[in-house]
């Protein structure tokens, strides 16, 4: 029985590795909006990664479908308490109002961040569902990124795991650090939902990925 279990486990591992090896980096289009799924500071790292890759972007921490529908420039909204906007899209290439083609969601829960935005975990889940539904209806490519590592995971039902549940299964492309995927959770989601997955050693490795994605 032990030999059988070992063989079955080995075959499963080989299957997962073969599946990962077969994954290719998908292509996405500009303009792009970045945001947070859980209001952790990880989205700041994503913005820095895009800057390093030479990719213009707009950013909002708590966009609604109505805001996304306003396209590049987010309807000239301005930052305020619990609400932050940055317009870094090249307006010479994409005039204000151009529909977004891609949204990048940084997955990571922060009760402090959610509190500052006037959100509970439940409210953030509901907001994310509306945003994802809008993206699906309007063919906006969703890239979900988890770079928080093992420390930003937690037990089933934790705030971070709930943010993963809210976003990862509905993404068109998943990017994770190895440290945050030690249990293979993202690999399982990607395989079950047939989502391309890239696993990187460090967050800065995503710079080259972004260049490939938006080439």
N, C-alpha and C. Protein backbone atom coordinates (compact mmCIF):
# COMPACT_ATOMS: atom_id res chain seq x y z
N UNK A 1 0.84 -1.20 0.00
CA UNK A 1 0.00 0.00 0.00
C UNK A 1 0.87 1.24 0.00
N UNK A 2 1.95 1.24 0.82
CA UNK A 2 2.84 2.38 0.87
C UNK A 2 3.49 2.64 -0.48
N UNK A 3 3.90 1.55 -1.15
CA UNK A 3 4.53 1.68 -2.47
C UNK A 3 3.53 2.28 -3.47
N UNK A 4 2.27 1.85 -3.37
CA UNK A 4 1.24 2.37 -4.27
C UNK A 4 1.02 3.86 -4.04
N UNK A 5 0.96 4.25 -2.75
CA UNK A 5 0.74 5.66 -2.43
C UNK A 5 1.91 6.51 -2.91
N UNK A 6 3.11 6.00 -2.77
CA UNK A 6 4.29 6.73 -3.22
C UNK A 6 4.28 6.89 -4.72
N UNK A 7 3.89 5.83 -5.43
CA UNK A 7 3.82 5.88 -6.90
C UNK A 7 2.76 6.89 -7.34
N UNK A 8 1.60 6.86 -6.68
CA UNK A 8 0.52 7.78 -7.03
C UNK A 8 0.95 9.22 -6.79
N UNK A 9 1.62 9.46 -5.65
CA UNK A 9 2.09 10.81 -5.33
C UNK A 9 3.11 11.27 -6.35
N UNK A 10 4.04 10.37 -6.73
CA UNK A 10 5.07 10.71 -7.71
C UNK A 10 4.46 11.08 -9.04
N UNK A 11 3.47 10.30 -9.47
CA UNK A 11 2.79 10.58 -10.74
C UNK A 11 2.05 11.92 -10.70
N UNK A 12 1.46 12.23 -9.54
CA UNK A 12 0.76 13.50 -9.39
C UNK A 12 1.73 14.67 -9.50
N UNK A 13 2.87 14.55 -8.80
CA UNK A 13 3.88 15.61 -8.85
C UNK A 13 4.41 15.80 -10.27
N UNK A 14 4.70 14.69 -10.94
CA UNK A 14 5.19 14.78 -12.32
C UNK A 14 4.15 15.41 -13.23
N UNK A 15 2.89 15.08 -12.98
CA UNK A 15 1.81 15.66 -13.78
C UNK A 15 1.75 17.17 -13.60
N UNK A 16 1.88 17.62 -12.36
CA UNK A 16 1.83 19.05 -12.07
C UNK A 16 3.02 19.77 -12.71
N UNK A 17 4.21 19.17 -12.60
CA UNK A 17 5.39 19.80 -13.19
C UNK A 17 5.28 19.85 -14.71
N UNK A 18 4.75 18.80 -15.31
CA UNK A 18 4.58 18.78 -16.76
C UNK A 18 3.59 19.85 -17.20
N UNK A 19 2.53 19.99 -16.40
CA UNK A 19 1.53 21.00 -16.73
C UNK A 19 2.13 22.40 -16.61
N UNK A 20 2.91 22.65 -15.55
CA UNK A 20 3.54 23.96 -15.37
C UNK A 20 4.50 24.26 -16.51
N UNK A 21 5.27 23.25 -16.90
CA UNK A 21 6.26 23.46 -17.96
C UNK A 21 5.60 23.81 -19.28
N UNK A 22 4.37 23.33 -19.45
CA UNK A 22 3.67 23.56 -20.71
C UNK A 22 3.03 24.94 -20.79
N UNK A 23 2.98 25.64 -19.64
CA UNK A 23 2.34 26.94 -19.62
C UNK A 23 3.21 27.99 -20.32
N UNK A 24 2.58 28.86 -21.06
CA UNK A 24 3.29 29.94 -21.72
C UNK A 24 2.77 31.26 -21.17
N UNK A 25 3.59 32.28 -21.29
CA UNK A 25 3.19 33.60 -20.83
C UNK A 25 2.17 34.17 -21.82
N UNK A 26 0.95 34.47 -21.39
CA UNK A 26 -0.06 34.98 -22.31
C UNK A 26 0.21 36.43 -22.68
N UNK A 27 -0.45 36.89 -23.70
CA UNK A 27 -0.32 38.28 -24.14
C UNK A 27 -1.53 39.09 -23.65
N UNK A 28 -1.25 40.31 -23.23
CA UNK A 28 -2.31 41.23 -22.82
C UNK A 28 -2.08 42.56 -23.51
N UNK A 29 -3.09 43.38 -23.50
CA UNK A 29 -3.02 44.66 -24.22
C UNK A 29 -3.13 45.84 -23.26
N UNK A 30 -2.58 46.95 -23.68
CA UNK A 30 -2.71 48.22 -22.97
C UNK A 30 -3.96 48.93 -23.50
N UNK A 31 -4.50 49.87 -22.72
CA UNK A 31 -4.04 50.39 -21.43
C UNK A 31 -4.41 49.47 -20.27
N UNK A 32 -3.69 49.66 -19.15
CA UNK A 32 -3.84 48.79 -17.99
C UNK A 32 -4.15 49.60 -16.74
N UNK A 33 -4.98 49.01 -15.90
CA UNK A 33 -5.30 49.58 -14.60
C UNK A 33 -4.79 48.64 -13.53
N UNK A 34 -4.12 49.16 -12.51
CA UNK A 34 -3.69 48.34 -11.39
C UNK A 34 -4.56 48.65 -10.17
N UNK A 35 -4.76 47.62 -9.35
CA UNK A 35 -5.58 47.81 -8.15
C UNK A 35 -5.23 46.74 -7.13
N UNK A 36 -5.84 46.85 -5.97
CA UNK A 36 -5.58 45.91 -4.89
C UNK A 36 -6.79 45.03 -4.66
N UNK A 37 -6.53 43.78 -4.32
CA UNK A 37 -7.58 42.86 -3.88
C UNK A 37 -7.30 42.54 -2.42
N UNK A 38 -7.82 43.38 -1.55
CA UNK A 38 -7.56 43.20 -0.13
C UNK A 38 -6.88 44.38 0.52
N UNK A 39 -6.48 45.37 -0.28
CA UNK A 39 -5.93 46.64 0.20
C UNK A 39 -4.61 46.53 0.96
N UNK A 40 -3.80 45.53 0.58
CA UNK A 40 -2.45 45.45 1.14
C UNK A 40 -1.52 46.37 0.34
N UNK A 41 -0.34 46.70 0.88
CA UNK A 41 0.61 47.55 0.15
C UNK A 41 1.26 46.87 -1.05
N UNK A 42 0.95 45.60 -1.29
CA UNK A 42 1.61 44.87 -2.38
C UNK A 42 1.37 45.50 -3.74
N UNK A 43 0.26 46.22 -3.89
CA UNK A 43 -0.03 46.86 -5.18
C UNK A 43 1.02 47.93 -5.49
N UNK A 44 1.61 48.52 -4.45
CA UNK A 44 2.67 49.50 -4.68
C UNK A 44 3.86 48.84 -5.37
N UNK A 45 4.16 47.61 -4.96
CA UNK A 45 5.25 46.86 -5.60
C UNK A 45 4.91 46.58 -7.06
N UNK A 46 3.66 46.26 -7.34
CA UNK A 46 3.24 46.02 -8.72
C UNK A 46 3.44 47.28 -9.56
N UNK A 47 3.08 48.42 -9.01
CA UNK A 47 3.27 49.68 -9.73
C UNK A 47 4.74 49.95 -10.02
N UNK A 48 5.59 49.67 -9.06
CA UNK A 48 7.04 49.85 -9.25
C UNK A 48 7.54 48.89 -10.33
N UNK A 49 7.04 47.67 -10.33
CA UNK A 49 7.42 46.68 -11.34
C UNK A 49 7.07 47.18 -12.74
N UNK A 50 5.88 47.74 -12.90
CA UNK A 50 5.47 48.25 -14.20
C UNK A 50 6.36 49.43 -14.62
N UNK A 51 6.70 50.27 -13.67
CA UNK A 51 7.59 51.39 -13.98
C UNK A 51 8.95 50.88 -14.44
N UNK A 52 9.46 49.86 -13.75
CA UNK A 52 10.75 49.27 -14.14
C UNK A 52 10.68 48.63 -15.52
N UNK A 53 9.51 48.12 -15.88
CA UNK A 53 9.32 47.49 -17.19
C UNK A 53 9.02 48.52 -18.28
N UNK A 54 8.87 49.78 -17.88
CA UNK A 54 8.58 50.83 -18.86
C UNK A 54 7.16 50.80 -19.38
N UNK A 55 6.24 50.35 -18.52
CA UNK A 55 4.84 50.21 -18.91
C UNK A 55 4.00 51.25 -18.17
N UNK A 56 3.31 52.10 -18.92
CA UNK A 56 2.43 53.08 -18.31
C UNK A 56 1.18 52.41 -17.76
N UNK A 57 0.60 53.00 -16.73
CA UNK A 57 -0.57 52.40 -16.08
C UNK A 57 -1.36 53.48 -15.34
N UNK A 58 -2.62 53.20 -15.10
CA UNK A 58 -3.42 53.96 -14.15
C UNK A 58 -3.58 53.11 -12.91
N UNK A 59 -3.78 53.76 -11.77
CA UNK A 59 -3.93 53.02 -10.51
C UNK A 59 -5.08 53.60 -9.70
N UNK A 60 -5.85 52.70 -9.11
CA UNK A 60 -6.84 53.09 -8.11
C UNK A 60 -6.98 51.95 -7.13
N UNK A 61 -6.98 52.26 -5.84
CA UNK A 61 -7.04 51.20 -4.85
C UNK A 61 -8.43 50.57 -4.74
N UNK A 62 -9.49 51.36 -4.96
CA UNK A 62 -10.85 50.83 -4.80
C UNK A 62 -11.74 51.21 -5.99
N UNK A 63 -11.39 50.82 -7.19
CA UNK A 63 -12.22 51.20 -8.34
C UNK A 63 -13.55 50.45 -8.34
N UNK A 64 -14.56 51.12 -8.80
CA UNK A 64 -15.87 50.49 -9.02
C UNK A 64 -16.01 50.21 -10.52
N UNK A 65 -16.97 49.38 -10.91
CA UNK A 65 -17.19 49.18 -12.34
C UNK A 65 -17.45 50.48 -13.08
N UNK A 66 -18.15 51.41 -12.45
CA UNK A 66 -18.45 52.69 -13.09
C UNK A 66 -17.17 53.48 -13.37
N UNK A 67 -16.24 53.42 -12.45
CA UNK A 67 -14.96 54.11 -12.63
C UNK A 67 -14.15 53.46 -13.74
N UNK A 68 -14.14 52.14 -13.75
CA UNK A 68 -13.41 51.43 -14.79
C UNK A 68 -14.01 51.74 -16.16
N UNK A 69 -15.33 51.87 -16.20
CA UNK A 69 -16.01 52.16 -17.46
C UNK A 69 -15.61 53.53 -18.01
N UNK A 70 -15.14 54.43 -17.16
CA UNK A 70 -14.70 55.76 -17.62
C UNK A 70 -13.37 55.69 -18.36
N UNK A 71 -12.67 54.55 -18.27
CA UNK A 71 -11.44 54.36 -19.03
C UNK A 71 -10.28 55.17 -18.52
N UNK A 72 -9.27 55.31 -19.38
CA UNK A 72 -8.03 56.00 -19.00
C UNK A 72 -8.34 57.36 -18.39
N UNK A 73 -7.68 57.63 -17.27
CA UNK A 73 -7.93 58.88 -16.56
C UNK A 73 -8.96 58.76 -15.47
N UNK A 74 -9.69 57.63 -15.46
CA UNK A 74 -10.69 57.35 -14.43
C UNK A 74 -11.65 58.52 -14.22
N UNK A 75 -12.02 59.15 -15.32
CA UNK A 75 -12.99 60.23 -15.23
C UNK A 75 -12.49 61.45 -14.50
N UNK A 76 -11.15 61.65 -14.51
CA UNK A 76 -10.52 62.80 -13.84
C UNK A 76 -10.79 62.83 -12.34
N UNK A 77 -11.03 61.67 -11.75
CA UNK A 77 -11.21 61.63 -10.29
C UNK A 77 -9.88 61.92 -9.60
N UNK A 78 -9.98 62.45 -8.40
CA UNK A 78 -8.78 62.81 -7.64
C UNK A 78 -8.74 62.04 -6.33
N UNK A 79 -7.54 61.86 -5.81
CA UNK A 79 -7.36 61.15 -4.55
C UNK A 79 -8.01 61.91 -3.40
N UNK A 80 -8.49 61.15 -2.43
CA UNK A 80 -9.06 61.73 -1.23
C UNK A 80 -8.92 60.75 -0.09
N UNK A 81 -9.52 61.02 1.06
CA UNK A 81 -9.43 60.09 2.20
C UNK A 81 -9.93 58.70 1.83
N UNK A 82 -9.08 57.70 2.00
CA UNK A 82 -9.46 56.32 1.70
C UNK A 82 -9.64 56.02 0.23
N UNK A 83 -9.10 56.89 -0.63
CA UNK A 83 -9.29 56.72 -2.08
C UNK A 83 -8.09 57.33 -2.80
N UNK A 84 -7.38 56.50 -3.54
CA UNK A 84 -6.15 56.96 -4.17
C UNK A 84 -6.15 56.68 -5.67
N UNK A 85 -5.73 57.66 -6.43
CA UNK A 85 -5.70 57.56 -7.89
C UNK A 85 -4.35 58.05 -8.39
N UNK A 86 -3.77 57.34 -9.35
CA UNK A 86 -2.57 57.79 -10.06
C UNK A 86 -2.81 57.56 -11.55
N UNK A 87 -2.52 58.55 -12.36
CA UNK A 87 -2.66 58.41 -13.81
C UNK A 87 -1.27 58.45 -14.43
N UNK A 88 -0.79 57.28 -14.80
CA UNK A 88 0.55 57.15 -15.37
C UNK A 88 0.53 56.59 -16.78
N UNK A 89 -0.65 56.45 -17.35
CA UNK A 89 -0.77 56.00 -18.74
C UNK A 89 -0.24 57.08 -19.67
N UNK A 90 0.43 56.67 -20.74
CA UNK A 90 0.92 57.62 -21.74
C UNK A 90 -0.28 58.17 -22.52
N UNK A 91 -0.66 59.41 -22.20
CA UNK A 91 -1.84 60.00 -22.81
C UNK A 91 -1.62 60.37 -24.27
N UNK A 92 -0.37 60.32 -24.73
CA UNK A 92 -0.11 60.52 -26.16
C UNK A 92 -0.49 59.28 -26.96
N UNK A 93 -0.46 58.13 -26.29
CA UNK A 93 -0.83 56.87 -26.95
C UNK A 93 -2.29 56.52 -26.71
N UNK A 94 -2.76 56.81 -25.51
CA UNK A 94 -4.13 56.45 -25.13
C UNK A 94 -4.80 57.68 -24.51
N UNK A 95 -5.68 58.29 -25.26
CA UNK A 95 -6.34 59.49 -24.76
C UNK A 95 -7.28 59.12 -23.61
N UNK A 96 -7.62 60.12 -22.81
CA UNK A 96 -8.54 59.90 -21.70
C UNK A 96 -9.86 59.31 -22.22
N UNK A 97 -10.35 58.34 -21.49
CA UNK A 97 -11.58 57.68 -21.87
C UNK A 97 -11.38 56.41 -22.66
N UNK A 98 -10.14 56.15 -23.10
CA UNK A 98 -9.86 54.89 -23.81
C UNK A 98 -10.17 53.71 -22.89
N UNK A 99 -10.94 52.74 -23.33
CA UNK A 99 -11.29 51.61 -22.45
C UNK A 99 -10.05 50.82 -22.03
N UNK A 100 -10.03 50.42 -20.79
CA UNK A 100 -8.95 49.56 -20.31
C UNK A 100 -9.07 48.19 -20.94
N UNK A 101 -7.93 47.62 -21.28
CA UNK A 101 -7.89 46.27 -21.86
C UNK A 101 -7.45 45.23 -20.83
N UNK A 102 -6.73 45.70 -19.80
CA UNK A 102 -6.18 44.78 -18.80
C UNK A 102 -6.30 45.41 -17.41
N UNK A 103 -6.56 44.58 -16.42
CA UNK A 103 -6.52 45.02 -15.03
C UNK A 103 -5.61 44.06 -14.25
N UNK A 104 -4.72 44.62 -13.46
CA UNK A 104 -3.82 43.81 -12.63
C UNK A 104 -4.25 43.96 -11.19
N UNK A 105 -4.55 42.83 -10.54
CA UNK A 105 -5.00 42.83 -9.16
C UNK A 105 -3.93 42.23 -8.26
N UNK A 106 -3.45 43.00 -7.29
CA UNK A 106 -2.49 42.49 -6.32
C UNK A 106 -3.27 41.89 -5.15
N UNK A 107 -3.15 40.59 -4.98
CA UNK A 107 -3.91 39.89 -3.93
C UNK A 107 -3.16 39.95 -2.61
N UNK A 108 -3.82 40.48 -1.60
CA UNK A 108 -3.22 40.53 -0.27
C UNK A 108 -4.10 41.34 0.66
N UNK A 109 -4.50 40.74 1.78
CA UNK A 109 -5.43 41.40 2.68
C UNK A 109 -4.70 42.20 3.75
N UNK A 110 -5.23 43.38 4.01
CA UNK A 110 -4.74 44.22 5.10
C UNK A 110 -5.95 44.85 5.78
N UNK A 111 -6.19 44.48 7.03
CA UNK A 111 -7.32 45.06 7.75
C UNK A 111 -7.13 46.56 7.92
N UNK A 112 -5.89 46.98 8.10
CA UNK A 112 -5.60 48.41 8.21
C UNK A 112 -5.95 49.12 6.90
N UNK A 113 -5.52 48.52 5.78
CA UNK A 113 -5.80 49.12 4.47
C UNK A 113 -7.28 49.16 4.17
N UNK A 114 -7.98 48.06 4.49
CA UNK A 114 -9.42 48.02 4.25
C UNK A 114 -10.14 49.03 5.14
N UNK A 115 -9.68 49.12 6.39
CA UNK A 115 -10.30 50.07 7.30
C UNK A 115 -10.14 51.50 6.83
N UNK A 116 -8.96 51.81 6.28
CA UNK A 116 -8.71 53.16 5.78
C UNK A 116 -9.61 53.50 4.61
N UNK A 117 -10.03 52.47 3.87
CA UNK A 117 -10.93 52.67 2.73
C UNK A 117 -12.40 52.49 3.11
N UNK A 118 -12.65 52.29 4.39
CA UNK A 118 -14.02 52.12 4.85
C UNK A 118 -14.62 50.80 4.46
N UNK A 119 -13.78 49.76 4.34
CA UNK A 119 -14.24 48.46 3.89
C UNK A 119 -14.08 47.40 4.96
N UNK A 120 -15.02 46.47 5.01
CA UNK A 120 -14.84 45.24 5.75
C UNK A 120 -14.37 44.17 4.78
N UNK A 121 -13.99 43.02 5.28
CA UNK A 121 -13.60 41.93 4.39
C UNK A 121 -14.76 41.56 3.47
N UNK A 122 -15.96 41.52 4.03
CA UNK A 122 -17.14 41.17 3.24
C UNK A 122 -17.41 42.21 2.15
N UNK A 123 -17.24 43.48 2.50
CA UNK A 123 -17.46 44.55 1.53
C UNK A 123 -16.42 44.50 0.41
N UNK A 124 -15.19 44.16 0.77
CA UNK A 124 -14.14 44.05 -0.24
C UNK A 124 -14.42 42.88 -1.17
N UNK A 125 -14.87 41.76 -0.62
CA UNK A 125 -15.24 40.62 -1.47
C UNK A 125 -16.36 40.99 -2.44
N UNK A 126 -17.35 41.71 -1.94
CA UNK A 126 -18.48 42.11 -2.80
C UNK A 126 -18.02 43.08 -3.88
N UNK A 127 -17.13 44.01 -3.53
CA UNK A 127 -16.60 44.96 -4.52
C UNK A 127 -15.82 44.23 -5.59
N UNK A 128 -14.98 43.30 -5.19
CA UNK A 128 -14.17 42.55 -6.14
C UNK A 128 -15.04 41.74 -7.10
N UNK A 129 -16.12 41.17 -6.58
CA UNK A 129 -17.02 40.40 -7.44
C UNK A 129 -17.62 41.29 -8.52
N UNK A 130 -18.03 42.49 -8.14
CA UNK A 130 -18.60 43.42 -9.13
C UNK A 130 -17.56 43.81 -10.18
N UNK A 131 -16.33 44.06 -9.73
CA UNK A 131 -15.27 44.44 -10.67
C UNK A 131 -14.96 43.29 -11.62
N UNK A 132 -14.85 42.07 -11.08
CA UNK A 132 -14.55 40.91 -11.91
C UNK A 132 -15.68 40.65 -12.90
N UNK A 133 -16.92 40.74 -12.43
CA UNK A 133 -18.07 40.55 -13.33
C UNK A 133 -18.02 41.56 -14.48
N UNK A 134 -17.70 42.81 -14.15
CA UNK A 134 -17.62 43.84 -15.19
C UNK A 134 -16.52 43.51 -16.19
N UNK A 135 -15.37 43.08 -15.68
CA UNK A 135 -14.24 42.74 -16.56
C UNK A 135 -14.61 41.59 -17.49
N UNK A 136 -15.27 40.58 -16.96
CA UNK A 136 -15.67 39.44 -17.78
C UNK A 136 -16.66 39.86 -18.87
N UNK A 137 -17.60 40.72 -18.49
CA UNK A 137 -18.62 41.16 -19.44
C UNK A 137 -18.03 42.03 -20.54
N UNK A 138 -16.93 42.72 -20.23
CA UNK A 138 -16.35 43.66 -21.18
C UNK A 138 -15.00 43.21 -21.72
N UNK A 139 -14.70 41.93 -21.54
CA UNK A 139 -13.49 41.31 -22.10
C UNK A 139 -12.21 42.06 -21.68
N UNK A 140 -12.15 42.42 -20.41
CA UNK A 140 -10.95 43.02 -19.84
C UNK A 140 -10.11 41.89 -19.23
N UNK A 141 -8.88 41.76 -19.67
CA UNK A 141 -7.98 40.67 -19.25
C UNK A 141 -7.58 40.89 -17.79
N UNK A 142 -7.75 39.87 -16.96
CA UNK A 142 -7.45 39.97 -15.53
C UNK A 142 -6.15 39.23 -15.21
N UNK A 143 -5.18 39.97 -14.69
CA UNK A 143 -3.94 39.37 -14.19
C UNK A 143 -3.97 39.46 -12.67
N UNK A 144 -3.94 38.33 -12.00
CA UNK A 144 -3.92 38.30 -10.53
C UNK A 144 -2.51 37.96 -10.07
N UNK A 145 -1.99 38.78 -9.17
CA UNK A 145 -0.61 38.62 -8.71
C UNK A 145 -0.58 38.48 -7.19
N UNK A 146 0.11 37.45 -6.71
CA UNK A 146 0.30 37.28 -5.27
C UNK A 146 1.79 37.25 -4.98
N UNK A 147 2.28 38.32 -4.38
CA UNK A 147 3.72 38.43 -4.12
C UNK A 147 4.04 38.51 -2.63
N UNK A 148 3.01 38.38 -1.79
CA UNK A 148 3.22 38.55 -0.36
C UNK A 148 4.02 37.44 0.29
N UNK A 149 4.11 36.29 -0.39
CA UNK A 149 4.88 35.19 0.18
C UNK A 149 4.12 34.43 1.24
N UNK A 150 4.81 33.52 1.88
CA UNK A 150 4.19 32.64 2.87
C UNK A 150 3.56 33.42 4.02
N UNK A 151 4.19 34.54 4.39
CA UNK A 151 3.69 35.32 5.52
C UNK A 151 2.34 35.96 5.24
N UNK A 152 1.97 36.08 3.95
CA UNK A 152 0.69 36.69 3.57
C UNK A 152 -0.34 35.63 3.16
N UNK A 153 -0.17 34.43 3.65
CA UNK A 153 -1.14 33.39 3.35
C UNK A 153 -2.05 33.21 4.56
N UNK A 154 -1.90 32.13 5.29
CA UNK A 154 -2.76 31.92 6.44
C UNK A 154 -3.57 30.64 6.31
N UNK A 155 -4.32 30.36 7.35
CA UNK A 155 -5.14 29.15 7.37
C UNK A 155 -6.37 29.34 6.50
N UNK A 156 -7.00 28.24 6.07
CA UNK A 156 -8.23 28.36 5.30
C UNK A 156 -9.24 29.25 6.03
N UNK A 157 -9.84 30.17 5.30
CA UNK A 157 -10.80 31.07 5.91
C UNK A 157 -10.21 32.37 6.40
N UNK A 158 -8.86 32.49 6.36
CA UNK A 158 -8.22 33.73 6.78
C UNK A 158 -8.52 34.83 5.76
N UNK A 159 -8.27 36.07 6.14
CA UNK A 159 -8.56 37.19 5.24
C UNK A 159 -7.81 37.05 3.92
N UNK A 160 -6.54 36.66 3.98
CA UNK A 160 -5.76 36.51 2.75
C UNK A 160 -6.31 35.39 1.88
N UNK A 161 -6.68 34.29 2.50
CA UNK A 161 -7.23 33.17 1.73
C UNK A 161 -8.56 33.54 1.08
N UNK A 162 -9.32 34.37 1.76
CA UNK A 162 -10.60 34.82 1.19
C UNK A 162 -10.38 35.72 -0.03
N UNK A 163 -9.32 36.53 0.02
CA UNK A 163 -9.01 37.36 -1.14
C UNK A 163 -8.56 36.50 -2.32
N UNK A 164 -7.81 35.44 -2.02
CA UNK A 164 -7.40 34.50 -3.07
C UNK A 164 -8.63 33.85 -3.69
N UNK A 165 -9.56 33.41 -2.84
CA UNK A 165 -10.79 32.78 -3.33
C UNK A 165 -11.61 33.74 -4.19
N UNK A 166 -11.57 35.03 -3.82
CA UNK A 166 -12.39 36.02 -4.52
C UNK A 166 -11.86 36.35 -5.90
N UNK A 167 -10.56 36.16 -6.11
CA UNK A 167 -9.95 36.63 -7.36
C UNK A 167 -9.30 35.54 -8.20
N UNK A 168 -8.45 34.73 -7.59
CA UNK A 168 -7.60 33.80 -8.35
C UNK A 168 -8.37 32.89 -9.31
N UNK A 169 -9.48 32.29 -8.91
CA UNK A 169 -10.17 31.37 -9.84
C UNK A 169 -10.78 32.06 -11.06
N UNK A 170 -10.85 33.38 -11.04
CA UNK A 170 -11.49 34.12 -12.13
C UNK A 170 -10.49 34.89 -12.99
N UNK A 171 -9.21 34.73 -12.68
CA UNK A 171 -8.17 35.44 -13.43
C UNK A 171 -7.94 34.78 -14.79
N UNK A 172 -7.37 35.57 -15.69
CA UNK A 172 -6.95 35.04 -16.99
C UNK A 172 -5.49 34.65 -16.96
N UNK A 173 -4.79 35.12 -15.94
CA UNK A 173 -3.36 34.81 -15.80
C UNK A 173 -2.99 35.00 -14.34
N UNK A 174 -2.26 34.04 -13.78
CA UNK A 174 -1.82 34.09 -12.39
C UNK A 174 -0.30 34.21 -12.31
N UNK A 175 0.17 35.11 -11.44
CA UNK A 175 1.60 35.24 -11.18
C UNK A 175 1.79 35.17 -9.67
N UNK A 176 2.66 34.27 -9.23
CA UNK A 176 2.89 34.10 -7.79
C UNK A 176 4.37 33.89 -7.52
N UNK A 177 4.77 34.21 -6.30
CA UNK A 177 6.13 33.87 -5.88
C UNK A 177 6.13 32.44 -5.33
N UNK A 178 7.25 31.78 -5.47
CA UNK A 178 7.35 30.40 -4.98
C UNK A 178 7.03 30.31 -3.50
N UNK A 179 7.48 31.32 -2.75
CA UNK A 179 7.27 31.32 -1.31
C UNK A 179 5.78 31.36 -0.96
N UNK A 180 5.00 32.00 -1.82
CA UNK A 180 3.57 32.09 -1.56
C UNK A 180 2.77 30.93 -2.12
N UNK A 181 3.46 29.99 -2.76
CA UNK A 181 2.78 28.85 -3.40
C UNK A 181 3.38 27.53 -2.92
N UNK A 182 3.93 27.55 -1.71
CA UNK A 182 4.60 26.34 -1.20
C UNK A 182 3.65 25.16 -1.09
N UNK A 183 2.39 25.44 -0.81
CA UNK A 183 1.43 24.35 -0.69
C UNK A 183 0.77 23.99 -2.01
N UNK A 184 1.17 24.68 -3.09
CA UNK A 184 0.62 24.38 -4.40
C UNK A 184 -0.80 24.87 -4.61
N UNK A 185 -1.27 25.75 -3.73
CA UNK A 185 -2.67 26.23 -3.82
C UNK A 185 -2.96 26.91 -5.15
N UNK A 186 -2.04 27.78 -5.58
CA UNK A 186 -2.27 28.47 -6.85
C UNK A 186 -2.13 27.52 -8.03
N UNK A 187 -1.24 26.56 -7.89
CA UNK A 187 -1.08 25.56 -8.95
C UNK A 187 -2.37 24.76 -9.13
N UNK A 188 -2.99 24.40 -8.02
CA UNK A 188 -4.24 23.65 -8.09
C UNK A 188 -5.35 24.48 -8.74
N UNK A 189 -5.44 25.74 -8.33
CA UNK A 189 -6.47 26.62 -8.90
C UNK A 189 -6.25 26.77 -10.41
N UNK A 190 -4.99 26.99 -10.77
CA UNK A 190 -4.66 27.20 -12.19
C UNK A 190 -4.99 25.96 -13.02
N UNK A 191 -4.67 24.80 -12.47
CA UNK A 191 -4.93 23.57 -13.22
C UNK A 191 -6.43 23.31 -13.32
N UNK A 192 -7.16 23.50 -12.22
CA UNK A 192 -8.61 23.26 -12.23
C UNK A 192 -9.34 24.19 -13.19
N UNK A 193 -8.89 25.45 -13.24
CA UNK A 193 -9.57 26.46 -14.05
C UNK A 193 -8.91 26.71 -15.40
N UNK A 194 -7.83 25.96 -15.67
CA UNK A 194 -7.10 26.11 -16.94
C UNK A 194 -6.59 27.54 -17.12
N UNK A 195 -5.95 28.05 -16.08
CA UNK A 195 -5.42 29.42 -16.08
C UNK A 195 -3.90 29.35 -16.21
N UNK A 196 -3.29 30.07 -17.14
CA UNK A 196 -1.82 30.11 -17.21
C UNK A 196 -1.25 30.64 -15.89
N UNK A 197 -0.18 30.00 -15.43
CA UNK A 197 0.43 30.37 -14.15
C UNK A 197 1.93 30.53 -14.33
N UNK A 198 2.46 31.63 -13.81
CA UNK A 198 3.91 31.82 -13.75
C UNK A 198 4.32 31.93 -12.29
N UNK A 199 5.30 31.13 -11.91
CA UNK A 199 5.83 31.15 -10.55
C UNK A 199 7.24 31.71 -10.60
N UNK A 200 7.52 32.72 -9.79
CA UNK A 200 8.81 33.39 -9.81
C UNK A 200 9.48 33.29 -8.45
N UNK A 201 10.80 33.45 -8.47
CA UNK A 201 11.55 33.39 -7.22
C UNK A 201 11.34 34.65 -6.40
N UNK A 202 11.47 35.78 -7.07
CA UNK A 202 11.35 37.08 -6.39
C UNK A 202 10.39 37.98 -7.17
N UNK A 203 9.82 38.96 -6.46
CA UNK A 203 8.87 39.88 -7.08
C UNK A 203 9.49 40.61 -8.27
N UNK A 204 10.75 40.98 -8.16
CA UNK A 204 11.38 41.73 -9.25
C UNK A 204 11.52 40.91 -10.53
N UNK A 205 11.42 39.57 -10.41
CA UNK A 205 11.43 38.74 -11.62
C UNK A 205 10.21 39.00 -12.49
N UNK A 206 9.20 39.64 -11.91
CA UNK A 206 7.97 39.91 -12.66
C UNK A 206 8.18 41.01 -13.69
N UNK A 207 9.25 41.80 -13.53
CA UNK A 207 9.54 42.86 -14.50
C UNK A 207 9.64 42.27 -15.90
N UNK A 208 10.43 41.22 -16.05
CA UNK A 208 10.60 40.58 -17.37
C UNK A 208 9.29 39.96 -17.85
N UNK A 209 8.51 39.40 -16.92
CA UNK A 209 7.22 38.83 -17.30
C UNK A 209 6.30 39.90 -17.89
N UNK A 210 6.28 41.06 -17.25
CA UNK A 210 5.41 42.14 -17.72
C UNK A 210 5.84 42.60 -19.12
N UNK A 211 7.14 42.61 -19.36
CA UNK A 211 7.62 42.98 -20.69
C UNK A 211 7.13 42.00 -21.74
N UNK A 212 7.11 40.71 -21.37
CA UNK A 212 6.62 39.68 -22.29
C UNK A 212 5.11 39.79 -22.50
N UNK A 213 4.41 40.01 -21.40
CA UNK A 213 2.95 40.06 -21.46
C UNK A 213 2.46 41.21 -22.34
N UNK A 214 3.11 42.37 -22.21
CA UNK A 214 2.65 43.55 -22.93
C UNK A 214 3.50 43.88 -24.14
N UNK A 215 4.31 42.93 -24.60
CA UNK A 215 5.15 43.15 -25.78
C UNK A 215 4.29 43.27 -27.03
